[in-house]
Amino acid sequence: MLSSTDGWTTCAQGHRHWGRAGAAGLLIHRDGPGGAEVLLQHRALWSHHGGTWGTPGGALHAGESPATGALREVGEELGLQPGDVVLGVSSVDDHGGWAYTTVLARPAHPFEAAELRLDGESDGVAWVPLVSLHEVPLHPGLAASLDRLRPLLDGAGE
């Protein structure tokens, strides 16, 4: 059953987006052997921008905060629970009348991508070194946000 905010909308920039109340995703990052790594979802071919790699996320429900929505989506798509991650800062990509919020998070305990439970929206999931992002086809929204997100990741080490 669709919630009242499921559906397509057009922002002030003329782009078509899913989620009439906006959308949010979780950018989970860790320190890897070669530097920072991010957990990316390989989007199912049938989905919007299918075949690209991006953050697990999706449409916000009415009245739902971006952090709550991002946690709900990562639970649905990858099987992670709120206690599996520690939330950090957020970054908003505001298109005028529609926004995507990227919530940064670190694992609360070590886990590998192969341990995650994927739903039908994902064809795969992987830890991708930040320096290798240019080697995978990125979701256009994530690709466009990298200049804004990289400094947040650089300052997020704990």
C-alpha atoms as a PDB file:
ATOM      1  CA  MET A   1       0.000   0.000   0.000  1.00  0.00           C
ATOM      2  CA  LEU A   2       1.371   3.396  -0.964  1.00  0.00           C
ATOM      3  CA  SER A   3       1.643   6.090   1.669  1.00  0.00           C
ATOM      4  CA  SER A   4       0.341   9.560   0.932  1.00  0.00           C
ATOM      5  CA  THR A   5       3.833  10.764  -0.004  1.00  0.00           C
ATOM      6  CA  ASP A   6       4.733   7.965  -2.442  1.00  0.00           C
ATOM      7  CA  GLY A   7       4.731   9.177  -6.014  1.00  0.00           C
ATOM      8  CA  TRP A   8       6.567  11.326  -8.493  1.00  0.00           C
ATOM      9  CA  THR A   9       7.003  15.061  -8.150  1.00  0.00           C
ATOM     10  CA  THR A  10       8.785  17.755 -10.113  1.00  0.00           C
ATOM     11  CA  CYS A  11      11.110  20.192  -8.364  1.00  0.00           C
ATOM     12  CA  ALA A  12      11.639  23.870  -9.174  1.00  0.00           C
ATOM     13  CA  GLN A  13      14.608  22.868 -11.364  1.00  0.00           C
ATOM     14  CA  GLY A  14      12.326  20.751 -13.541  1.00  0.00           C
ATOM     15  CA  HIS A  15      13.704  17.380 -12.391  1.00  0.00           C
ATOM     16  CA  ARG A  16      11.423  14.436 -11.709  1.00  0.00           C
ATOM     17  CA  HIS A  17      11.878  12.838  -8.256  1.00  0.00           C
ATOM     18  CA  TRP A  18      10.289   9.991  -6.285  1.00  0.00           C
ATOM     19  CA  GLY A  19       8.841  11.038  -2.930  1.00  0.00           C
ATOM     20  CA  ARG A  20       6.468  13.961  -2.713  1.00  0.00           C
ATOM     21  CA  ALA A  21       7.774  14.846   0.781  1.00  0.00           C
ATOM     22  CA  GLY A  22      11.422  14.515  -0.268  1.00  0.00           C
ATOM     23  CA  ALA A  23      13.793  11.618   0.225  1.00  0.00           C
ATOM     24  CA  ALA A  24      16.746  10.588   2.353  1.00  0.00           C
ATOM     25  CA  GLY A  25      19.540   8.053   2.344  1.00  0.00           C
ATOM     26  CA  LEU A  26      22.307   6.781   4.580  1.00  0.00           C
ATOM     27  CA  LEU A  27      25.948   7.167   3.547  1.00  0.00           C
ATOM     28  CA  ILE A  28      27.683   4.637   5.784  1.00  0.00           C
ATOM     29  CA  HIS A  29      31.454   5.028   5.871  1.00  0.00           C
ATOM     30  CA  ARG A  30      34.357   3.311   7.597  1.00  0.00           C
ATOM     31  CA  ASP A  31      38.121   3.385   7.690  1.00  0.00           C
ATOM     32  CA  GLY A  32      39.400   0.711   5.296  1.00  0.00           C
ATOM     33  CA  PRO A  33      42.883  -0.613   4.668  1.00  0.00           C
ATOM     34  CA  GLY A  34      43.433   1.895   1.850  1.00  0.00           C
ATOM     35  CA  GLY A  35      41.522   4.821   3.341  1.00  0.00           C
ATOM     36  CA  ALA A  36      37.859   5.718   3.687  1.00  0.00           C
ATOM     37  CA  GLU A  37      35.258   3.323   2.270  1.00  0.00           C
ATOM     38  CA  VAL A  38      31.541   3.874   1.706  1.00  0.00           C
ATOM     39  CA  LEU A  39      28.786   1.266   1.659  1.00  0.00           C
ATOM     40  CA  LEU A  40      26.958   1.527  -1.658  1.00  0.00           C
ATOM     41  CA  GLN A  41      23.877  -0.253  -2.933  1.00  0.00           C
ATOM     42  CA  HIS A  42      23.745  -1.490  -6.534  1.00  0.00           C
ATOM     43  CA  ARG A  43      20.269  -0.429  -7.600  1.00  0.00           C
ATOM     44  CA  ALA A  44      18.044  -3.048  -9.239  1.00  0.00           C
ATOM     45  CA  LEU A  45      17.726  -2.575 -12.990  1.00  0.00           C
ATOM     46  CA  TRP A  46      13.960  -1.991 -12.790  1.00  0.00           C
ATOM     47  CA  SER A  47      14.372   0.940 -10.367  1.00  0.00           C
ATOM     48  CA  HIS A  48      14.875   4.638 -11.149  1.00  0.00           C
ATOM     49  CA  HIS A  49      18.526   4.960 -12.264  1.00  0.00           C
ATOM     50  CA  GLY A  50      18.778   1.165 -12.093  1.00  0.00           C
ATOM     51  CA  GLY A  51      22.228  -0.330 -12.500  1.00  0.00           C
ATOM     52  CA  THR A  52      23.940   2.538 -10.703  1.00  0.00           C
ATOM     53  CA  TRP A  53      25.560   2.532  -7.266  1.00  0.00           C
ATOM     54  CA  GLY A  54      24.223   4.848  -4.579  1.00  0.00           C
ATOM     55  CA  THR A  55      23.180   5.224  -0.996  1.00  0.00           C
ATOM     56  CA  PRO A  56      20.351   3.082   0.321  1.00  0.00           C
ATOM     57  CA  GLY A  57      17.425   5.437   0.698  1.00  0.00           C
ATOM     58  CA  GLY A  58      14.070   6.516  -0.567  1.00  0.00           C
ATOM     59  CA  ALA A  59      10.948   8.582  -0.152  1.00  0.00           C
ATOM     60  CA  LEU A  60      10.152  10.116   3.214  1.00  0.00           C
ATOM     61  CA  HIS A  61       6.784   9.482   4.820  1.00  0.00           C
ATOM     62  CA  ALA A  62       4.610  12.425   5.862  1.00  0.00           C
ATOM     63  CA  GLY A  63       6.090  14.057   8.958  1.00  0.00           C
ATOM     64  CA  GLU A  64       9.117  11.720   9.000  1.00  0.00           C
ATOM     65  CA  SER A  65      12.541  13.233   9.720  1.00  0.00           C
ATOM     66  CA  PRO A  66      15.302  12.541   7.193  1.00  0.00           C
ATOM     67  CA  ALA A  67      17.312  10.536   9.761  1.00  0.00           C
ATOM     68  CA  THR A  68      14.299   8.367  10.623  1.00  0.00           C
ATOM     69  CA  GLY A  69      13.475   7.869   6.946  1.00  0.00           C
ATOM     70  CA  ALA A  70      17.082   6.988   6.063  1.00  0.00           C
ATOM     71  CA  LEU A  71      17.197   4.430   8.906  1.00  0.00           C
ATOM     72  CA  ARG A  72      13.861   2.942   7.809  1.00  0.00           C
ATOM     73  CA  GLU A  73      15.059   2.642   4.207  1.00  0.00           C
ATOM     74  CA  VAL A  74      18.411   1.025   5.122  1.00  0.00           C
ATOM     75  CA  GLY A  75      16.449  -1.459   7.215  1.00  0.00           C
ATOM     76  CA  GLU A  76      14.120  -2.291   4.334  1.00  0.00           C
ATOM     77  CA  GLU A  77      16.814  -2.458   1.656  1.00  0.00           C
ATOM     78  CA  LEU A  78      19.819  -3.934   3.501  1.00  0.00           C
ATOM     79  CA  GLY A  79      18.436  -5.341   6.756  1.00  0.00           C
ATOM     80  CA  LEU A  80      20.441  -2.978   8.973  1.00  0.00           C
ATOM     81  CA  GLN A  81      18.834  -1.891  12.235  1.00  0.00           C
ATOM     82  CA  PRO A  82      19.176   1.540  13.918  1.00  0.00           C
ATOM     83  CA  GLY A  83      21.610   0.094  16.480  1.00  0.00           C
ATOM     84  CA  ASP A  84      23.927  -1.085  13.687  1.00  0.00           C
ATOM     85  CA  VAL A  85      25.013   2.474  12.847  1.00  0.00           C
ATOM     86  CA  VAL A  86      25.955   5.703  14.591  1.00  0.00           C
ATOM     87  CA  LEU A  87      24.454   8.727  12.850  1.00  0.00           C
ATOM     88  CA  GLY A  88      26.556  11.751  12.029  1.00  0.00           C
ATOM     89  CA  VAL A  89      26.013  14.988  10.152  1.00  0.00           C
ATOM     90  CA  SER A  90      23.507  15.457   7.344  1.00  0.00           C
ATOM     91  CA  SER A  91      23.761  17.230   4.013  1.00  0.00           C
ATOM     92  CA  VAL A  92      20.731  18.525   2.125  1.00  0.00           C
ATOM     93  CA  ASP A  93      20.512  18.768  -1.665  1.00  0.00           C
ATOM     94  CA  ASP A  94      17.614  21.214  -2.010  1.00  0.00           C
ATOM     95  CA  HIS A  95      16.123  21.460  -5.496  1.00  0.00           C
ATOM     96  CA  GLY A  96      13.348  23.866  -4.539  1.00  0.00           C
ATOM     97  CA  GLY A  97      10.152  22.098  -3.504  1.00  0.00           C
ATOM     98  CA  TRP A  98      11.990  18.772  -3.168  1.00  0.00           C
ATOM     99  CA  ALA A  99      15.151  17.792  -1.272  1.00  0.00           C
ATOM    100  CA  TYR A 100      17.334  14.738  -0.747  1.00  0.00           C
ATOM    101  CA  THR A 101      19.048  14.498   2.628  1.00  0.00           C
ATOM    102  CA  THR A 102      22.187  12.391   2.901  1.00  0.00           C
ATOM    103  CA  VAL A 103      22.743  11.272   6.498  1.00  0.00           C
ATOM    104  CA  LEU A 104      26.293  10.179   7.228  1.00  0.00           C
ATOM    105  CA  ALA A 105      26.770   7.209   9.536  1.00  0.00           C
ATOM    106  CA  ARG A 106      29.512   4.928  10.802  1.00  0.00           C
ATOM    107  CA  PRO A 107      29.082   1.249  11.697  1.00  0.00           C
ATOM    108  CA  ALA A 108      28.383   0.730  15.402  1.00  0.00           C
ATOM    109  CA  HIS A 109      30.173  -2.629  15.045  1.00  0.00           C
ATOM    110  CA  PRO A 110      32.126  -4.170  12.170  1.00  0.00           C
ATOM    111  CA  PHE A 111      30.077  -5.786   9.407  1.00  0.00           C
ATOM    112  CA  GLU A 112      30.761  -6.871   5.860  1.00  0.00           C
ATOM    113  CA  ALA A 113      28.564  -6.249   2.842  1.00  0.00           C
ATOM    114  CA  ALA A 114      28.128 -10.006   2.266  1.00  0.00           C
ATOM    115  CA  GLU A 115      26.391 -10.266   5.665  1.00  0.00           C
ATOM    116  CA  LEU A 116      23.567  -7.907   4.679  1.00  0.00           C
ATOM    117  CA  ARG A 117      20.075  -9.035   3.639  1.00  0.00           C
ATOM    118  CA  LEU A 118      19.086  -7.451   0.335  1.00  0.00           C
ATOM    119  CA  ASP A 119      15.528  -6.808  -0.799  1.00  0.00           C
ATOM    120  CA  GLY A 120      14.312  -6.562  -4.388  1.00  0.00           C
ATOM    121  CA  GLU A 121      15.501  -2.964  -4.756  1.00  0.00           C
ATOM    122  CA  SER A 122      19.146  -4.035  -4.572  1.00  0.00           C
ATOM    123  CA  ASP A 123      21.209  -6.177  -6.933  1.00  0.00           C
ATOM    124  CA  GLY A 124      24.202  -5.949  -4.612  1.00  0.00           C
ATOM    125  CA  VAL A 125      25.978  -4.014  -1.917  1.00  0.00           C
ATOM    126  CA  ALA A 126      29.696  -3.348  -1.436  1.00  0.00           C
ATOM    127  CA  TRP A 127      32.224  -1.341   0.526  1.00  0.00           C
ATOM    128  CA  VAL A 128      33.789   0.909  -2.121  1.00  0.00           C
ATOM    129  CA  PRO A 129      37.000   2.828  -1.412  1.00  0.00           C
ATOM    130  CA  LEU A 130      36.391   6.560  -1.695  1.00  0.00           C
ATOM    131  CA  VAL A 131      39.347   6.844  -4.077  1.00  0.00           C
ATOM    132  CA  SER A 132      37.708   4.266  -6.415  1.00  0.00           C
ATOM    133  CA  LEU A 133      34.266   5.868  -6.773  1.00  0.00           C
ATOM    134  CA  HIS A 134      35.159   6.967 -10.313  1.00  0.00           C
ATOM    135  CA  GLU A 135      35.383   3.276 -11.288  1.00  0.00           C
ATOM    136  CA  VAL A 136      31.697   2.473 -10.703  1.00  0.00           C
ATOM    137  CA  PRO A 137      28.601   3.956 -12.364  1.00  0.00           C
ATOM    138  CA  LEU A 138      27.280   6.206  -9.612  1.00  0.00           C
ATOM    139  CA  HIS A 139      23.666   7.251  -9.139  1.00  0.00           C
ATOM    140  CA  PRO A 140      23.533  10.741 -10.709  1.00  0.00           C
ATOM    141  CA  GLY A 141      22.338  12.327  -7.470  1.00  0.00           C
ATOM    142  CA  LEU A 142      25.251  10.884  -5.502  1.00  0.00           C
ATOM    143  CA  ALA A 143      27.718  11.822  -8.237  1.00  0.00           C
ATOM    144  CA  ALA A 144      26.433  15.408  -8.226  1.00  0.00           C
ATOM    145  CA  SER A 145      26.713  15.582  -4.417  1.00  0.00           C
ATOM    146  CA  LEU A 146      30.255  14.238  -4.033  1.00  0.00           C
ATOM    147  CA  ASP A 147      31.929  17.658  -3.950  1.00  0.00           C
ATOM    148  CA  ARG A 148      29.678  18.578  -1.018  1.00  0.00           C
ATOM    149  CA  LEU A 149      29.968  15.193   0.746  1.00  0.00           C
ATOM    150  CA  ARG A 150      33.724  14.550   0.500  1.00  0.00           C
ATOM    151  CA  PRO A 151      34.692  17.259   3.039  1.00  0.00           C
ATOM    152  CA  LEU A 152      32.122  15.835   5.477  1.00  0.00           C
ATOM    153  CA  LEU A 153      33.653  12.371   5.084  1.00  0.00           C
ATOM    154  CA  ASP A 154      37.166  13.781   5.492  1.00  0.00           C
ATOM    155  CA  GLY A 155      36.158  15.405   8.772  1.00  0.00           C
ATOM    156  CA  ALA A 156      34.166  12.425  10.046  1.00  0.00           C
ATOM    157  CA  GLY A 157      37.010  10.202  11.249  1.00  0.00           C
ATOM    158  CA  GLU A 158      36.716   9.357  14.894  1.00  0.00           C
END
